[in-house]
């Protein structure tokens, strides 16, 4: 059975689409998937509604665990596995500009950059989907309340229905979402009659030249494959896993 290591860093870029792509590959190829998250990746996965679904991909059996970076309790087992060449492919997706920069210069101080370093040494195919991979990218934002649209209703249906109790009121009665609690289910948005809640709103942003240059440096590395969208992620990962 083929084994894939999926690493999530702290970027929301196409997070939900990436999850669907990895899920599709698991179903089609019968993969064993280990999921690893940086500390920021853990928070972002929660905000985008992915964290609670990870057990479907990595139910906890051998090579199907979920690892979360913890600097107070360093994880040596996972980088050791990678260095031994235990995985058929590694996907780091999404990869923040910060993580990409560290990979380029050889810094290995997070679970993502350690995996990258050990994967290169083991000659394991590494597929990276950077959050800042082209001049213009489409960012997607987690759920939030537009204070100008909120009418401070006596009964707030999103507040009542939120399974995480993440929606609260301020003194003026307006609703807000506590991003430290929200789990990204998105159930709240359709319940507001005034459309004051938005989930997954998109915005085009311009990437910095330094981040684009770092991505180009990664493209030059042997065994490293840079992809820019979920379709390319699917095709390159499938090809690597079918070898």
Protein backbone atom coordinates (compact mmCIF):
# COMPACT_ATOMS: atom_id res chain seq x y z
CA UNK A 1 0.00 0.00 0.00
CA UNK A 2 1.40 3.39 -1.02
CA UNK A 3 2.13 5.89 1.75
CA UNK A 4 1.69 9.65 1.47
CA UNK A 5 2.80 12.26 3.98
CA UNK A 6 0.67 15.43 3.82
CA UNK A 7 2.04 18.49 5.60
CA UNK A 8 -0.17 21.52 6.30
CA UNK A 9 1.36 24.91 7.11
CA UNK A 10 -0.36 28.10 8.27
CA UNK A 11 -1.85 29.36 5.01
CA UNK A 12 -5.53 29.19 4.17
CA UNK A 13 -4.73 29.22 0.44
CA UNK A 14 -7.02 26.64 -1.22
CA UNK A 15 -7.11 24.70 2.04
CA UNK A 16 -10.53 23.17 1.44
CA UNK A 17 -9.73 22.32 -2.20
CA UNK A 18 -6.47 20.65 -1.15
CA UNK A 19 -8.31 18.54 1.43
CA UNK A 20 -10.74 17.38 -1.26
CA UNK A 21 -7.85 16.55 -3.59
CA UNK A 22 -6.03 14.47 -0.97
CA UNK A 23 -9.31 12.72 -0.10
CA UNK A 24 -9.87 11.88 -3.74
CA UNK A 25 -6.39 10.37 -4.07
CA UNK A 26 -6.89 8.30 -0.92
CA UNK A 27 -10.12 6.88 -2.30
CA UNK A 28 -8.76 6.20 -5.77
CA UNK A 29 -5.39 4.73 -4.79
CA UNK A 30 -6.15 3.22 -1.38
CA UNK A 31 -3.40 5.26 0.26
CA UNK A 32 -2.13 5.30 3.79
CA UNK A 33 -1.90 8.99 4.69
CA UNK A 34 0.02 10.53 7.54
CA UNK A 35 -1.00 14.13 8.22
CA UNK A 36 1.38 16.61 9.86
CA UNK A 37 0.51 20.16 10.84
CA UNK A 38 2.62 23.07 11.97
CA UNK A 39 1.19 24.99 14.93
CA UNK A 40 -0.16 27.66 12.58
CA UNK A 41 -1.34 24.96 10.18
CA UNK A 42 -3.39 23.41 12.97
CA UNK A 43 -5.15 26.72 13.63
CA UNK A 44 -5.78 27.44 9.96
CA UNK A 45 -7.10 23.94 9.31
CA UNK A 46 -9.60 24.53 12.12
CA UNK A 47 -10.74 27.89 10.74
CA UNK A 48 -11.29 26.45 7.27
CA UNK A 49 -13.33 23.48 8.48
CA UNK A 50 -10.66 20.87 7.65
CA UNK A 51 -9.35 19.92 11.08
CA UNK A 52 -12.43 17.98 12.15
CA UNK A 53 -12.32 15.97 8.91
CA UNK A 54 -8.69 14.86 9.13
CA UNK A 55 -9.59 11.65 10.95
CA UNK A 56 -11.26 10.50 7.73
CA UNK A 57 -7.85 10.66 6.05
CA UNK A 58 -5.64 9.67 8.97
CA UNK A 59 -7.67 7.52 11.40
CA UNK A 60 -4.75 6.86 13.73
CA UNK A 61 -3.35 3.52 12.62
CA UNK A 62 0.33 3.02 11.80
CA UNK A 63 1.34 5.44 9.05
CA UNK A 64 -2.12 6.98 9.35
CA UNK A 65 -1.46 9.25 12.33
CA UNK A 66 -1.92 12.98 12.78
CA UNK A 67 1.11 14.89 14.09
CA UNK A 68 1.02 18.49 15.31
CA UNK A 69 4.22 20.48 15.75
CA UNK A 70 5.03 21.22 19.39
CA UNK A 71 8.35 22.95 20.17
CA UNK A 72 8.09 21.86 23.81
CA UNK A 73 7.79 18.21 22.81
CA UNK A 74 9.88 17.73 19.66
CA UNK A 75 8.64 14.99 17.34
CA UNK A 76 11.55 12.86 16.16
CA UNK A 77 9.60 9.88 14.84
CA UNK A 78 8.22 11.59 11.75
CA UNK A 79 11.45 13.18 10.40
CA UNK A 80 13.15 9.85 11.12
CA UNK A 81 10.61 8.00 9.00
CA UNK A 82 11.10 10.50 6.20
CA UNK A 83 14.89 10.18 6.33
CA UNK A 84 14.51 6.39 6.06
CA UNK A 85 12.52 6.85 2.84
CA UNK A 86 9.35 5.36 4.32
CA UNK A 87 6.97 7.50 2.24
CA UNK A 88 6.34 7.23 -1.48
CA UNK A 89 5.63 10.97 -1.77
CA UNK A 90 5.41 14.09 0.38
CA UNK A 91 2.91 16.89 -0.19
CA UNK A 92 3.44 20.22 1.55
CA UNK A 93 0.24 22.04 0.75
CA UNK A 94 -0.45 24.79 1.32
CA UNK A 95 3.07 26.03 1.98
CA UNK A 96 3.39 29.52 3.44
CA UNK A 97 5.87 32.02 2.05
CA UNK A 98 7.70 31.75 5.37
CA UNK A 99 8.06 27.98 5.05
CA UNK A 100 9.19 28.25 1.44
CA UNK A 101 11.84 30.80 2.37
CA UNK A 102 13.18 28.50 5.10
CA UNK A 103 13.26 25.54 2.73
CA UNK A 104 15.29 27.53 0.20
CA UNK A 105 18.00 28.52 2.69
CA UNK A 106 18.04 25.22 4.59
CA UNK A 107 16.39 26.17 7.89
CA UNK A 108 14.64 23.18 9.47
CA UNK A 109 12.94 24.42 12.63
CA UNK A 110 9.33 23.30 12.12
CA UNK A 111 7.75 19.97 11.29
CA UNK A 112 7.25 21.20 7.70
CA UNK A 113 10.82 22.32 7.10
CA UNK A 114 12.23 19.25 8.86
CA UNK A 115 10.19 17.00 6.61
CA UNK A 116 11.40 18.92 3.56
CA UNK A 117 15.03 18.63 4.62
CA UNK A 118 14.81 14.90 5.35
CA UNK A 119 12.78 14.26 2.22
CA UNK A 120 15.47 15.81 0.05
CA UNK A 121 18.11 13.66 1.73
CA UNK A 122 16.03 10.51 1.20
CA UNK A 123 15.29 11.44 -2.45
CA UNK A 124 11.56 11.21 -1.82
CA UNK A 125 9.42 13.17 -4.33
CA UNK A 126 8.26 16.39 -2.65
CA UNK A 127 5.27 18.24 -4.10
CA UNK A 128 4.87 21.79 -2.83
CA UNK A 129 1.85 24.04 -3.36
CA UNK A 130 2.93 27.53 -2.27
CA UNK A 131 0.45 30.14 -1.11
CA UNK A 132 2.47 32.80 -2.98
CA UNK A 133 3.26 31.00 -6.21
CA UNK A 134 2.24 33.44 -8.90
CA UNK A 135 2.07 37.21 -9.29
CA UNK A 136 -1.66 37.33 -8.48
CA UNK A 137 -3.36 34.73 -6.30
CA UNK A 138 -6.93 34.37 -5.07
CA UNK A 139 -7.06 34.41 -1.27
CA UNK A 140 -10.00 32.88 0.59
CA UNK A 141 -11.06 34.17 3.99
CA UNK A 142 -12.67 32.32 6.90
CA UNK A 143 -16.07 33.22 8.31
CA UNK A 144 -16.55 36.76 9.62
CA UNK A 145 -19.34 39.21 10.45
CA UNK A 146 -19.65 42.47 8.54
CA UNK A 147 -20.47 44.92 11.35
CA UNK A 148 -22.06 47.37 8.91
CA UNK A 149 -24.60 44.76 7.79
CA UNK A 150 -25.35 43.27 11.20
CA UNK A 151 -28.70 44.56 12.54
CA UNK A 152 -28.15 43.45 16.15
CA UNK A 153 -31.32 41.34 16.02
CA UNK A 154 -33.01 40.44 19.28
CA UNK A 155 -32.69 36.81 18.23
CA UNK A 156 -29.54 35.96 16.31
CA UNK A 157 -30.12 32.64 14.57
CA UNK A 158 -26.44 32.12 13.67
CA UNK A 159 -25.50 32.64 17.33
CA UNK A 160 -28.08 30.10 18.47
CA UNK A 161 -27.14 27.52 15.84
CA UNK A 162 -23.33 27.71 16.04
CA UNK A 163 -22.19 24.25 17.24
CA UNK A 164 -18.91 25.68 18.53
CA UNK A 165 -20.47 28.66 20.36
CA UNK A 166 -18.06 30.87 18.43
CA UNK A 167 -20.56 33.69 17.79
CA UNK A 168 -20.96 36.27 20.54
CA UNK A 169 -22.48 39.76 20.98
CA UNK A 170 -20.78 42.98 21.96
CA UNK A 171 -22.42 45.67 24.09
CA UNK A 172 -24.14 47.19 21.06
CA UNK A 173 -25.78 43.86 20.23
CA UNK A 174 -23.81 43.20 17.08
CA UNK A 175 -22.55 39.68 16.43
CA UNK A 176 -18.89 38.72 16.11
CA UNK A 177 -17.09 35.45 15.45
CA UNK A 178 -14.39 34.35 17.87
CA UNK A 179 -11.69 33.02 15.54
CA UNK A 180 -10.05 31.23 18.45
CA UNK A 181 -13.14 29.05 18.73
CA UNK A 182 -14.62 28.87 15.20
CA UNK A 183 -14.26 25.50 13.49
CA UNK A 184 -15.15 26.66 9.99
CA UNK A 185 -18.34 24.67 9.50
CA UNK A 186 -19.96 27.58 7.64
CA UNK A 187 -23.43 26.79 9.02
CA UNK A 188 -23.88 30.35 10.26
CA UNK A 189 -23.74 32.24 6.96
CA UNK A 190 -27.06 31.11 5.40
CA UNK A 191 -28.92 31.70 8.69
CA UNK A 192 -28.43 35.46 8.75
CA UNK A 193 -31.37 37.15 6.93
CA UNK A 194 -29.25 40.24 6.28
CA UNK A 195 -26.26 38.36 4.82
CA UNK A 196 -23.99 39.89 7.44
CA UNK A 197 -21.90 36.71 7.71
CA UNK A 198 -19.55 35.67 4.93
CA UNK A 199 -17.57 32.47 4.66
CA UNK A 200 -14.86 31.83 2.08
CA UNK A 201 -14.99 35.31 0.58
CA UNK A 202 -12.36 35.62 -2.13
CA UNK A 203 -9.97 38.45 -2.91
CA UNK A 204 -7.16 38.80 -5.42
CA UNK A 205 -3.84 39.74 -3.85
CA UNK A 206 -0.43 40.54 -5.31
CA UNK A 207 2.50 38.45 -4.11
CA UNK A 208 5.86 39.92 -3.18
CA UNK A 209 8.81 39.61 -5.53
CA UNK A 210 10.94 37.95 -2.84
CA UNK A 211 8.34 35.22 -2.32
CA UNK A 212 8.06 34.56 -6.04
CA UNK A 213 11.85 34.37 -6.28
CA UNK A 214 11.94 31.79 -3.48
CA UNK A 215 9.36 29.66 -5.26
CA UNK A 216 11.49 29.75 -8.41
CA UNK A 217 14.49 28.61 -6.37
CA UNK A 218 12.49 25.60 -5.19
CA UNK A 219 11.65 24.70 -8.78
CA UNK A 220 15.37 24.19 -9.43
CA UNK A 221 15.76 21.56 -6.71
CA UNK A 222 16.00 17.95 -7.82
CA UNK A 223 13.01 15.90 -6.75
CA UNK A 224 10.95 18.97 -5.80
CA UNK A 225 7.81 19.73 -7.81
CA UNK A 226 6.01 23.06 -7.43
CA UNK A 227 2.29 23.11 -8.27
CA UNK A 228 0.00 26.12 -8.29
CA UNK A 229 -3.53 24.72 -8.04
CA UNK A 230 -5.43 21.67 -6.89
CA UNK A 231 -5.70 20.17 -10.40
CA UNK A 232 -1.93 20.24 -10.81
CA UNK A 233 -1.51 18.93 -7.26
CA UNK A 234 -3.73 15.97 -8.11
CA UNK A 235 -1.98 15.07 -11.36
CA UNK A 236 1.60 15.44 -10.06
CA UNK A 237 0.88 13.58 -6.82
CA UNK A 238 -0.93 10.78 -8.61
CA UNK A 239 1.96 10.39 -11.04
CA UNK A 240 4.49 10.25 -8.18
CA UNK A 241 2.44 7.71 -6.24
CA UNK A 242 1.82 5.45 -9.23
CA UNK A 243 5.53 4.89 -9.90
